[in-house]
Amino acid sequence: MVKTLLVSQLLPLSAGLAVRLRRPNLAHRLKKLCEILSNTILLITLVLVLVVYYRVLLGIRFIAFAAMLSLCLASLAVGWVSGGPDPRTRKAVALTTSFRNAGVGMVIATGSFARTPVLSAVVAYTLVFAVGTVVPALWWGKRASVN
């Protein structure tokens, strides 16, 4: 589990920070490519999760999805309020707060709780929070490009 987290999260973050520190111009040029790559991987992952776990997701009650969405909205609100006066920082903190640790939860659930209801709940939580953070991010991005 630690190896997966190091390879999937710490290594890319460290590499990005090192490039930004040593070669800021290169980092600036690579930013758009990395954003596209990251979004593509996220989309592929979401599709694969839906394909692999669709039967499990069908078994989860509507009230559970409503509770997860409520938690997501509350997390967005807490992040927004905690983000300070700068609107850009507020948006970043809101999105980070709402989706924080979903990937880590998936790694732990698949590694330690495969074929249990825990994995089903974490998969559903991750999907709800992914959609719950992508929608405001897209909305904020669209509003920023119009202004």
Protein backbone atom coordinates (compact mmCIF):
# COMPACT_ATOMS: atom_id res chain seq x y z
CA MET A 1 0.00 0.00 0.00
CA VAL A 2 2.79 2.42 0.90
CA LYS A 3 4.58 1.59 -2.35
CA THR A 4 1.43 2.37 -4.35
CA LEU A 5 0.98 5.69 -2.59
CA LEU A 6 4.63 6.64 -3.07
CA VAL A 7 4.59 5.80 -6.77
CA SER A 8 1.18 7.28 -7.54
CA GLN A 9 1.29 10.43 -5.41
CA LEU A 10 4.62 11.31 -3.83
CA LEU A 11 6.85 10.55 -6.82
CA PRO A 12 4.90 12.67 -9.36
CA LEU A 13 4.53 15.51 -6.85
CA SER A 14 8.25 15.47 -6.03
CA ALA A 15 9.20 15.35 -9.71
CA GLY A 16 6.92 18.28 -10.49
CA LEU A 17 8.27 20.36 -7.62
CA ALA A 18 11.86 19.58 -8.61
CA VAL A 19 11.27 20.60 -12.23
CA ARG A 20 9.51 23.77 -11.10
CA LEU A 21 12.38 24.64 -8.76
CA ARG A 22 15.22 23.93 -11.20
CA ARG A 23 13.62 24.66 -14.57
CA PRO A 24 10.63 27.02 -14.10
CA ASN A 25 10.29 27.75 -17.82
CA LEU A 26 10.12 24.05 -18.64
CA ALA A 27 7.59 23.54 -15.84
CA HIS A 28 5.44 26.32 -17.26
CA ARG A 29 5.55 24.74 -20.75
CA LEU A 30 4.71 21.28 -19.37
CA LYS A 31 1.82 22.50 -17.22
CA LYS A 32 -0.88 22.26 -19.90
CA LEU A 33 0.32 18.82 -21.04
CA CYS A 34 0.28 17.56 -17.46
CA GLU A 35 -3.23 18.94 -16.92
CA ILE A 36 -4.49 17.14 -20.03
CA LEU A 37 -2.73 13.93 -19.01
CA SER A 38 -4.10 14.16 -15.47
CA ASN A 39 -7.66 14.78 -16.64
CA THR A 40 -7.44 11.95 -19.17
CA ILE A 41 -6.22 9.51 -16.52
CA LEU A 42 -9.00 10.65 -14.18
CA LEU A 43 -11.64 10.13 -16.86
CA ILE A 44 -10.29 6.68 -17.76
CA THR A 45 -10.19 5.73 -14.09
CA LEU A 46 -13.78 6.86 -13.53
CA VAL A 47 -14.99 4.90 -16.56
CA LEU A 48 -13.11 1.78 -15.43
CA VAL A 49 -14.51 2.08 -11.91
CA LEU A 50 -18.04 2.39 -13.32
CA VAL A 51 -17.54 -0.61 -15.58
CA VAL A 52 -15.97 -2.82 -12.91
CA TYR A 53 -18.20 -1.79 -9.99
CA TYR A 54 -21.53 -0.97 -11.65
CA ARG A 55 -23.35 -3.89 -9.99
CA VAL A 56 -22.02 -2.90 -6.60
CA LEU A 57 -23.06 0.72 -7.16
CA LEU A 58 -26.58 -0.37 -8.15
CA GLY A 59 -26.93 -2.02 -4.74
CA ILE A 60 -26.28 1.18 -2.80
CA ARG A 61 -29.42 2.94 -1.64
CA PHE A 62 -30.38 6.40 -2.81
CA ILE A 63 -30.26 7.75 0.76
CA ALA A 64 -26.59 6.74 0.98
CA PHE A 65 -25.79 8.64 -2.23
CA ALA A 66 -27.75 11.63 -0.91
CA ALA A 67 -25.75 11.53 2.34
CA MET A 68 -22.46 11.37 0.40
CA LEU A 69 -23.52 14.32 -1.76
CA SER A 70 -24.49 16.27 1.36
CA LEU A 71 -21.06 15.55 2.86
CA CYS A 72 -19.42 16.67 -0.39
CA LEU A 73 -21.38 19.94 -0.41
CA ALA A 74 -20.59 20.53 3.26
CA SER A 75 -16.89 19.91 2.55
CA LEU A 76 -16.99 22.38 -0.34
CA ALA A 77 -18.63 24.96 1.93
CA VAL A 78 -16.08 24.46 4.73
CA GLY A 79 -13.24 24.78 2.23
CA TRP A 80 -14.80 27.91 0.73
CA VAL A 81 -15.23 29.57 4.13
CA SER A 82 -11.72 28.54 5.22
CA GLY A 83 -10.08 29.73 2.00
CA GLY A 84 -9.58 33.33 2.99
CA PRO A 85 -10.43 36.50 1.07
CA ASP A 86 -8.80 35.65 -2.30
CA PRO A 87 -11.42 34.00 -4.57
CA ARG A 88 -8.80 31.83 -6.28
CA THR A 89 -7.56 30.50 -2.96
CA ARG A 90 -11.14 29.92 -1.81
CA LYS A 91 -11.86 27.82 -4.89
CA ALA A 92 -8.66 25.80 -4.51
CA VAL A 93 -9.23 25.14 -0.81
CA ALA A 94 -12.89 24.25 -1.41
CA LEU A 95 -12.04 21.71 -4.12
CA THR A 96 -9.11 20.26 -2.20
CA THR A 97 -11.12 19.96 1.00
CA SER A 98 -14.00 18.21 -0.72
CA PHE A 99 -11.98 15.60 -2.60
CA ARG A 100 -9.12 15.13 -0.19
CA ASN A 101 -7.97 11.58 0.41
CA ALA A 102 -10.41 9.86 -1.98
CA GLY A 103 -7.50 8.30 -3.87
CA VAL A 104 -5.85 7.17 -0.66
CA GLY A 105 -9.17 5.70 0.45
CA MET A 106 -9.41 3.73 -2.80
CA VAL A 107 -5.89 2.34 -2.36
CA ILE A 108 -6.59 1.28 1.22
CA ALA A 109 -10.00 -0.18 0.38
CA THR A 110 -8.80 -2.20 -2.60
CA GLY A 111 -5.71 -3.41 -0.76
CA SER A 112 -7.28 -4.27 2.59
CA PHE A 113 -11.03 -4.63 2.04
CA ALA A 114 -11.45 -6.17 -1.41
CA ARG A 115 -14.77 -7.98 -1.86
CA THR A 116 -16.34 -6.34 1.19
CA PRO A 117 -19.00 -3.64 1.66
CA VAL A 118 -16.21 -1.25 2.66
CA LEU A 119 -14.88 -1.26 -0.89
CA SER A 120 -18.38 -0.63 -2.25
CA ALA A 121 -18.84 2.37 0.03
CA VAL A 122 -15.44 3.82 -0.84
CA VAL A 123 -16.04 3.40 -4.57
CA ALA A 124 -19.41 5.14 -4.28
CA TYR A 125 -17.92 7.88 -2.11
CA THR A 126 -15.11 8.47 -4.60
CA LEU A 127 -17.51 8.72 -7.54
CA VAL A 128 -19.87 11.07 -5.73
CA PHE A 129 -17.01 13.28 -4.60
CA ALA A 130 -15.37 13.21 -8.04
CA VAL A 131 -18.55 14.45 -9.69
CA GLY A 132 -19.25 16.76 -6.76
CA THR A 133 -15.92 18.51 -7.22
CA VAL A 134 -15.65 18.38 -11.01
CA VAL A 135 -18.97 20.18 -11.50
CA PRO A 136 -18.04 23.28 -9.47
CA ALA A 137 -14.50 23.24 -10.90
CA LEU A 138 -15.87 23.28 -14.45
CA TRP A 139 -18.41 25.96 -13.54
CA TRP A 140 -15.75 28.17 -11.94
CA GLY A 141 -13.43 27.57 -14.88
CA LYS A 142 -16.14 28.52 -17.37
CA ARG A 143 -17.00 31.68 -15.43
CA ALA A 144 -13.30 32.64 -15.26
CA SER A 145 -12.87 32.24 -19.04
CA VAL A 146 -15.94 34.43 -19.71
CA ASN A 147 -14.69 37.28 -17.50
